[in-house]
Amino acid sequence: MSDAQDVEGAAEDSVGVPDEEDVEANVEAALREFLDTLSESETYQQFVAADEALQGDDDAMALLREYQQKQQQMQRGGFDESVMAELKQLQTEMSNNETIQRQQAAQADLIELLQRTNDAVSDEIGEEFARSTGGGCC
């Protein structure tokens, strides 16, 4: 067989059947496009803005840190009514803090968008896309 016939035969073999490298490259390109689109979405932009506002709000950050410390104290020391009362008070303060509420709402909206994305991918491939594959200890 001549070189011309080899090239012709190779071209015919590859017509209609992309090789694995092409498929992976296409998936990676589509993923990059998706991530670019996601990062430009209003939902993501609102999340970033709300998160930056939270990071810049010293009072809100102090409230979150105190809440996390009390949660850890409760986990380490077992049930303690005084710590539980402090946690409830901190929860009330957090629910009254506009910066924290804005960030939590924006985060919930982003999670909802990502869940809808996951559902669309799952529907397309016919199985749960982002399910756990059994890794980890729990």
N, C-alpha and C. Protein backbone atom coordinates (compact mmCIF):
# COMPACT_ATOMS: atom_id res chain seq x y z
N MET A 1 0.85 -1.17 0.00
CA MET A 1 0.00 0.00 0.00
C MET A 1 0.89 1.23 0.00
N SER A 2 0.51 2.25 -0.80
CA SER A 2 1.31 3.47 -0.88
C SER A 2 1.01 4.36 0.31
N ASP A 3 1.89 5.38 0.49
CA ASP A 3 1.67 6.35 1.57
C ASP A 3 0.35 7.08 1.39
N ALA A 4 0.01 7.39 0.15
CA ALA A 4 -1.24 8.10 -0.12
C ALA A 4 -2.43 7.24 0.30
N GLN A 5 -2.34 5.93 0.02
CA GLN A 5 -3.42 5.04 0.41
C GLN A 5 -3.50 4.91 1.93
N ASP A 6 -2.32 4.89 2.60
CA ASP A 6 -2.30 4.82 4.07
C ASP A 6 -3.00 6.03 4.68
N VAL A 7 -2.69 7.23 4.16
CA VAL A 7 -3.30 8.45 4.67
C VAL A 7 -4.79 8.44 4.40
N GLU A 8 -5.16 8.02 3.18
CA GLU A 8 -6.58 7.94 2.83
C GLU A 8 -7.31 6.97 3.74
N GLY A 9 -6.72 5.82 3.99
CA GLY A 9 -7.33 4.81 4.86
C GLY A 9 -7.45 5.31 6.29
N ALA A 10 -6.43 6.00 6.77
CA ALA A 10 -6.46 6.53 8.13
C ALA A 10 -7.55 7.58 8.26
N ALA A 11 -7.69 8.41 7.23
CA ALA A 11 -8.73 9.45 7.26
C ALA A 11 -10.10 8.80 7.29
N GLU A 12 -10.28 7.74 6.51
CA GLU A 12 -11.57 7.05 6.50
C GLU A 12 -11.85 6.39 7.84
N ASP A 13 -10.82 5.82 8.47
CA ASP A 13 -11.00 5.16 9.76
C ASP A 13 -11.43 6.16 10.83
N SER A 14 -10.93 7.39 10.74
CA SER A 14 -11.22 8.35 11.81
C SER A 14 -12.47 9.18 11.54
N VAL A 15 -13.04 9.08 10.35
CA VAL A 15 -14.24 9.85 10.04
C VAL A 15 -15.40 9.32 10.88
N GLY A 16 -16.05 10.21 11.61
CA GLY A 16 -17.22 9.84 12.38
C GLY A 16 -16.92 9.22 13.73
N VAL A 17 -15.70 8.85 14.00
CA VAL A 17 -15.36 8.25 15.28
C VAL A 17 -14.19 9.03 15.89
N PRO A 18 -14.50 10.00 16.75
CA PRO A 18 -13.41 10.77 17.35
C PRO A 18 -12.59 9.89 18.28
N ASP A 19 -11.29 10.14 18.30
CA ASP A 19 -10.47 9.35 19.21
C ASP A 19 -10.60 9.91 20.63
N GLU A 20 -10.12 9.15 21.59
CA GLU A 20 -10.28 9.49 23.01
C GLU A 20 -9.67 10.85 23.35
N GLU A 21 -8.52 11.15 22.77
CA GLU A 21 -7.88 12.44 23.03
C GLU A 21 -8.75 13.60 22.56
N ASP A 22 -9.38 13.44 21.38
CA ASP A 22 -10.27 14.48 20.87
C ASP A 22 -11.48 14.67 21.79
N VAL A 23 -12.03 13.56 22.24
CA VAL A 23 -13.20 13.63 23.13
C VAL A 23 -12.82 14.35 24.42
N GLU A 24 -11.69 13.97 25.01
CA GLU A 24 -11.25 14.61 26.26
C GLU A 24 -10.96 16.09 26.04
N ALA A 25 -10.36 16.42 24.92
CA ALA A 25 -10.08 17.83 24.62
C ALA A 25 -11.39 18.61 24.47
N ASN A 26 -12.37 17.99 23.82
CA ASN A 26 -13.68 18.64 23.66
C ASN A 26 -14.37 18.82 25.01
N VAL A 27 -14.28 17.82 25.87
CA VAL A 27 -14.88 17.92 27.21
C VAL A 27 -14.20 19.04 27.99
N GLU A 28 -12.88 19.09 27.95
CA GLU A 28 -12.15 20.13 28.66
C GLU A 28 -12.49 21.52 28.12
N ALA A 29 -12.62 21.65 26.82
CA ALA A 29 -12.98 22.94 26.22
C ALA A 29 -14.39 23.34 26.65
N ALA A 30 -15.31 22.39 26.64
CA ALA A 30 -16.68 22.68 27.07
C ALA A 30 -16.72 23.05 28.55
N LEU A 31 -15.92 22.38 29.35
CA LEU A 31 -15.85 22.69 30.78
C LEU A 31 -15.32 24.11 31.00
N ARG A 32 -14.27 24.47 30.27
CA ARG A 32 -13.74 25.84 30.39
C ARG A 32 -14.79 26.87 29.99
N GLU A 33 -15.52 26.57 28.93
CA GLU A 33 -16.58 27.48 28.48
C GLU A 33 -17.68 27.59 29.54
N PHE A 34 -18.06 26.45 30.13
CA PHE A 34 -19.05 26.45 31.20
C PHE A 34 -18.57 27.29 32.38
N LEU A 35 -17.33 27.08 32.79
CA LEU A 35 -16.79 27.83 33.94
C LEU A 35 -16.73 29.32 33.65
N ASP A 36 -16.37 29.68 32.42
CA ASP A 36 -16.37 31.10 32.04
C ASP A 36 -17.78 31.67 32.11
N THR A 37 -18.74 30.91 31.60
CA THR A 37 -20.13 31.35 31.61
C THR A 37 -20.64 31.46 33.05
N LEU A 38 -20.31 30.48 33.86
CA LEU A 38 -20.71 30.50 35.27
C LEU A 38 -20.14 31.72 35.98
N SER A 39 -18.85 31.98 35.76
CA SER A 39 -18.21 33.11 36.45
C SER A 39 -18.77 34.45 36.00
N GLU A 40 -19.39 34.49 34.83
CA GLU A 40 -20.00 35.72 34.33
C GLU A 40 -21.47 35.83 34.71
N SER A 41 -22.03 34.77 35.28
CA SER A 41 -23.47 34.79 35.61
C SER A 41 -23.75 35.76 36.75
N GLU A 42 -24.96 36.29 36.74
CA GLU A 42 -25.38 37.22 37.78
C GLU A 42 -25.37 36.53 39.15
N THR A 43 -25.79 35.28 39.19
CA THR A 43 -25.83 34.53 40.45
C THR A 43 -24.45 34.42 41.06
N TYR A 44 -23.46 34.06 40.24
CA TYR A 44 -22.09 33.93 40.74
C TYR A 44 -21.53 35.30 41.14
N GLN A 45 -21.78 36.31 40.32
CA GLN A 45 -21.28 37.65 40.62
C GLN A 45 -21.87 38.17 41.94
N GLN A 46 -23.14 37.90 42.17
CA GLN A 46 -23.76 38.31 43.43
C GLN A 46 -23.14 37.57 44.61
N PHE A 47 -22.83 36.29 44.42
CA PHE A 47 -22.18 35.53 45.48
C PHE A 47 -20.81 36.12 45.80
N VAL A 48 -20.02 36.39 44.77
CA VAL A 48 -18.68 36.95 44.98
C VAL A 48 -18.77 38.29 45.71
N ALA A 49 -19.68 39.14 45.27
CA ALA A 49 -19.83 40.46 45.91
C ALA A 49 -20.26 40.31 47.37
N ALA A 50 -21.21 39.42 47.63
CA ALA A 50 -21.68 39.21 49.00
C ALA A 50 -20.59 38.62 49.87
N ASP A 51 -19.80 37.70 49.32
CA ASP A 51 -18.71 37.09 50.07
C ASP A 51 -17.62 38.11 50.37
N GLU A 52 -17.30 38.94 49.39
CA GLU A 52 -16.30 39.99 49.62
C GLU A 52 -16.79 40.98 50.67
N ALA A 53 -18.08 41.31 50.63
CA ALA A 53 -18.64 42.22 51.64
C ALA A 53 -18.55 41.59 53.03
N LEU A 54 -18.82 40.29 53.11
CA LEU A 54 -18.72 39.60 54.39
C LEU A 54 -17.28 39.61 54.90
N GLN A 55 -16.35 39.29 54.02
CA GLN A 55 -14.93 39.28 54.42
C GLN A 55 -14.47 40.66 54.89
N GLY A 56 -15.08 41.70 54.36
CA GLY A 56 -14.70 43.06 54.73
C GLY A 56 -15.46 43.62 55.92
N ASP A 57 -16.41 42.86 56.44
CA ASP A 57 -17.23 43.31 57.58
C ASP A 57 -16.68 42.67 58.85
N ASP A 58 -15.88 43.44 59.59
CA ASP A 58 -15.22 42.90 60.78
C ASP A 58 -16.22 42.41 61.83
N ASP A 59 -17.32 43.13 62.00
CA ASP A 59 -18.32 42.72 63.00
C ASP A 59 -18.96 41.38 62.62
N ALA A 60 -19.32 41.24 61.36
CA ALA A 60 -19.94 40.00 60.90
C ALA A 60 -18.96 38.83 61.02
N MET A 61 -17.71 39.07 60.65
CA MET A 61 -16.70 38.01 60.73
C MET A 61 -16.46 37.60 62.19
N ALA A 62 -16.43 38.58 63.09
CA ALA A 62 -16.25 38.27 64.51
C ALA A 62 -17.42 37.44 65.03
N LEU A 63 -18.61 37.78 64.59
CA LEU A 63 -19.81 37.04 64.99
C LEU A 63 -19.73 35.59 64.50
N LEU A 64 -19.32 35.40 63.26
CA LEU A 64 -19.18 34.05 62.71
C LEU A 64 -18.10 33.25 63.44
N ARG A 65 -16.98 33.89 63.72
CA ARG A 65 -15.91 33.21 64.46
C ARG A 65 -16.38 32.80 65.85
N GLU A 66 -17.07 33.70 66.54
CA GLU A 66 -17.57 33.39 67.87
C GLU A 66 -18.56 32.23 67.82
N TYR A 67 -19.42 32.22 66.83
CA TYR A 67 -20.39 31.14 66.67
C TYR A 67 -19.67 29.81 66.45
N GLN A 68 -18.67 29.80 65.59
CA GLN A 68 -17.91 28.57 65.32
C GLN A 68 -17.19 28.09 66.57
N GLN A 69 -16.63 29.02 67.35
CA GLN A 69 -15.95 28.64 68.58
C GLN A 69 -16.92 28.00 69.57
N LYS A 70 -18.11 28.57 69.68
CA LYS A 70 -19.12 28.01 70.60
C LYS A 70 -19.57 26.64 70.12
N GLN A 71 -19.70 26.46 68.82
CA GLN A 71 -20.06 25.14 68.29
C GLN A 71 -18.99 24.11 68.65
N GLN A 72 -17.73 24.49 68.47
CA GLN A 72 -16.64 23.58 68.80
C GLN A 72 -16.62 23.27 70.29
N GLN A 73 -16.87 24.30 71.10
CA GLN A 73 -16.92 24.11 72.54
C GLN A 73 -18.02 23.12 72.90
N MET A 74 -19.15 23.24 72.26
CA MET A 74 -20.27 22.33 72.50
C MET A 74 -19.91 20.91 72.08
N GLN A 75 -19.23 20.76 70.96
CA GLN A 75 -18.85 19.44 70.47
C GLN A 75 -17.83 18.77 71.40
N ARG A 76 -16.88 19.56 71.87
CA ARG A 76 -15.84 19.01 72.74
C ARG A 76 -16.37 18.69 74.13
N GLY A 77 -17.19 19.58 74.65
CA GLY A 77 -17.61 19.45 76.05
C GLY A 77 -18.94 18.79 76.27
N GLY A 78 -19.61 18.40 75.22
CA GLY A 78 -20.94 17.81 75.38
C GLY A 78 -21.98 18.89 75.61
N PHE A 79 -23.19 18.47 75.87
CA PHE A 79 -24.29 19.42 76.02
C PHE A 79 -24.09 20.26 77.28
N ASP A 80 -24.22 21.56 77.09
CA ASP A 80 -24.10 22.52 78.19
C ASP A 80 -25.15 23.60 77.92
N GLU A 81 -26.08 23.75 78.86
CA GLU A 81 -27.18 24.70 78.65
C GLU A 81 -26.71 26.12 78.44
N SER A 82 -25.66 26.54 79.15
CA SER A 82 -25.20 27.93 79.00
C SER A 82 -24.59 28.15 77.62
N VAL A 83 -23.84 27.16 77.13
CA VAL A 83 -23.25 27.28 75.78
C VAL A 83 -24.37 27.22 74.74
N MET A 84 -25.36 26.38 74.98
CA MET A 84 -26.49 26.30 74.05
C MET A 84 -27.23 27.63 74.00
N ALA A 85 -27.42 28.26 75.14
CA ALA A 85 -28.08 29.56 75.18
C ALA A 85 -27.26 30.60 74.43
N GLU A 86 -25.94 30.54 74.58
CA GLU A 86 -25.06 31.47 73.85
C GLU A 86 -25.16 31.23 72.35
N LEU A 87 -25.21 29.97 71.95
CA LEU A 87 -25.34 29.64 70.53
C LEU A 87 -26.65 30.19 69.96
N LYS A 88 -27.72 30.04 70.70
CA LYS A 88 -29.01 30.56 70.25
C LYS A 88 -28.98 32.08 70.12
N GLN A 89 -28.33 32.74 71.07
CA GLN A 89 -28.21 34.19 71.01
C GLN A 89 -27.38 34.60 69.79
N LEU A 90 -26.29 33.89 69.55
CA LEU A 90 -25.45 34.18 68.39
C LEU A 90 -26.21 33.93 67.08
N GLN A 91 -27.02 32.88 67.05
CA GLN A 91 -27.84 32.61 65.85
C GLN A 91 -28.79 33.77 65.59
N THR A 92 -29.38 34.29 66.64
CA THR A 92 -30.28 35.43 66.49
C THR A 92 -29.53 36.63 65.95
N GLU A 93 -28.35 36.88 66.50
CA GLU A 93 -27.54 38.02 66.02
C GLU A 93 -27.15 37.83 64.56
N MET A 94 -26.81 36.59 64.20
CA MET A 94 -26.42 36.33 62.81
C MET A 94 -27.62 36.50 61.87
N SER A 95 -28.80 36.09 62.31
CA SER A 95 -29.97 36.24 61.45
C SER A 95 -30.39 37.70 61.33
N ASN A 96 -29.94 38.53 62.25
CA ASN A 96 -30.23 39.97 62.18
C ASN A 96 -29.12 40.75 61.48
N ASN A 97 -28.03 40.08 61.12
CA ASN A 97 -26.91 40.75 60.48
C ASN A 97 -27.12 40.72 58.96
N GLU A 98 -27.30 41.89 58.38
CA GLU A 98 -27.62 41.99 56.95
C GLU A 98 -26.51 41.42 56.07
N THR A 99 -25.26 41.66 56.43
CA THR A 99 -24.13 41.17 55.62
C THR A 99 -24.12 39.64 55.59
N ILE A 100 -24.30 39.03 56.74
CA ILE A 100 -24.32 37.56 56.81
C ILE A 100 -25.51 37.02 56.03
N GLN A 101 -26.67 37.62 56.19
CA GLN A 101 -27.87 37.16 55.50
C GLN A 101 -27.73 37.27 53.98
N ARG A 102 -27.13 38.37 53.52
CA ARG A 102 -26.93 38.55 52.08
C ARG A 102 -25.99 37.48 51.53
N GLN A 103 -24.91 37.20 52.28
CA GLN A 103 -23.95 36.19 51.82
C GLN A 103 -24.60 34.81 51.82
N GLN A 104 -25.36 34.48 52.85
CA GLN A 104 -26.00 33.17 52.91
C GLN A 104 -27.04 33.00 51.81
N ALA A 105 -27.79 34.06 51.53
CA ALA A 105 -28.79 34.00 50.45
C ALA A 105 -28.10 33.83 49.09
N ALA A 106 -27.01 34.57 48.87
CA ALA A 106 -26.28 34.46 47.61
C ALA A 106 -25.66 33.07 47.46
N GLN A 107 -25.17 32.53 48.57
CA GLN A 107 -24.60 31.18 48.55
C GLN A 107 -25.69 30.15 48.22
N ALA A 108 -26.86 30.30 48.82
CA ALA A 108 -27.97 29.38 48.55
C ALA A 108 -28.38 29.46 47.08
N ASP A 109 -28.41 30.66 46.52
CA ASP A 109 -28.75 30.82 45.10
C ASP A 109 -27.72 30.14 44.20
N LEU A 110 -26.44 30.28 44.55
CA LEU A 110 -25.38 29.64 43.76
C LEU A 110 -25.48 28.12 43.87
N ILE A 111 -25.72 27.62 45.06
CA ILE A 111 -25.87 26.18 45.24
C ILE A 111 -27.05 25.66 44.41
N GLU A 112 -28.14 26.41 44.40
CA GLU A 112 -29.31 26.01 43.61
C GLU A 112 -28.97 25.97 42.11
N LEU A 113 -28.24 26.96 41.63
CA LEU A 113 -27.81 26.98 40.23
C LEU A 113 -26.93 25.77 39.92
N LEU A 114 -25.99 25.47 40.80
CA LEU A 114 -25.10 24.33 40.58
C LEU A 114 -25.87 23.01 40.66
N GLN A 115 -26.88 22.95 41.52
CA GLN A 115 -27.70 21.74 41.59
C GLN A 115 -28.49 21.53 40.30
N ARG A 116 -29.04 22.63 39.77
CA ARG A 116 -29.76 22.52 38.49
C ARG A 116 -28.80 22.07 37.38
N THR A 117 -27.57 22.58 37.42
CA THR A 117 -26.56 22.16 36.44
C THR A 117 -26.27 20.67 36.59
N ASN A 118 -26.09 20.23 37.83
CA ASN A 118 -25.86 18.82 38.10
C ASN A 118 -27.02 17.97 37.59
N ASP A 119 -28.24 18.43 37.83
CA ASP A 119 -29.42 17.69 37.37
C ASP A 119 -29.45 17.58 35.85
N ALA A 120 -29.10 18.67 35.16
CA ALA A 120 -29.09 18.66 33.70
C ALA A 120 -28.05 17.68 33.17
N VAL A 121 -26.86 17.67 33.77
CA VAL A 121 -25.82 16.73 33.35
C VAL A 121 -26.27 15.31 33.65
N SER A 122 -26.84 15.09 34.83
CA SER A 122 -27.31 13.75 35.21
C SER A 122 -28.36 13.24 34.23
N ASP A 123 -29.31 14.11 33.87
CA ASP A 123 -30.34 13.72 32.91
C ASP A 123 -29.72 13.34 31.57
N GLU A 124 -28.73 14.10 31.15
CA GLU A 124 -28.10 13.88 29.84
C GLU A 124 -27.32 12.57 29.80
N ILE A 125 -26.60 12.25 30.88
CA ILE A 125 -25.77 11.04 30.86
C ILE A 125 -26.50 9.81 31.41
N GLY A 126 -27.68 10.03 31.98
CA GLY A 126 -28.48 8.90 32.43
C GLY A 126 -28.09 8.33 33.78
N GLU A 127 -27.29 9.03 34.55
CA GLU A 127 -26.98 8.60 35.91
C GLU A 127 -26.60 9.82 36.74
N GLU A 128 -26.61 9.65 38.05
CA GLU A 128 -26.32 10.76 38.95
C GLU A 128 -24.88 11.22 38.72
N PHE A 129 -24.72 12.48 38.32
CA PHE A 129 -23.42 13.00 37.94
C PHE A 129 -22.52 13.25 39.14
N ALA A 130 -23.01 13.93 40.16
CA ALA A 130 -22.15 14.35 41.27
C ALA A 130 -22.35 13.49 42.51
N ARG A 131 -22.69 12.25 42.31
CA ARG A 131 -22.88 11.39 43.48
C ARG A 131 -21.52 10.99 44.06
N SER A 132 -21.56 10.64 45.31
CA SER A 132 -20.35 10.17 45.97
C SER A 132 -19.98 8.81 45.39
N THR A 133 -18.69 8.60 45.19
CA THR A 133 -18.24 7.31 44.68
C THR A 133 -17.70 6.44 45.81
N GLY A 134 -18.02 6.82 47.04
CA GLY A 134 -17.64 5.98 48.17
C GLY A 134 -16.32 6.35 48.79
N GLY A 135 -15.69 7.42 48.34
CA GLY A 135 -14.43 7.83 48.95
C GLY A 135 -14.67 8.45 50.31
N GLY A 136 -13.63 8.57 51.07
CA GLY A 136 -13.74 9.20 52.38
C GLY A 136 -14.11 8.19 53.44
N CYS A 137 -14.23 8.68 54.65
CA CYS A 137 -14.44 7.77 55.77
C CYS A 137 -15.89 7.69 56.21
N CYS A 138 -16.74 8.55 55.73
CA CYS A 138 -18.11 8.60 56.26
C CYS A 138 -19.13 8.16 55.24
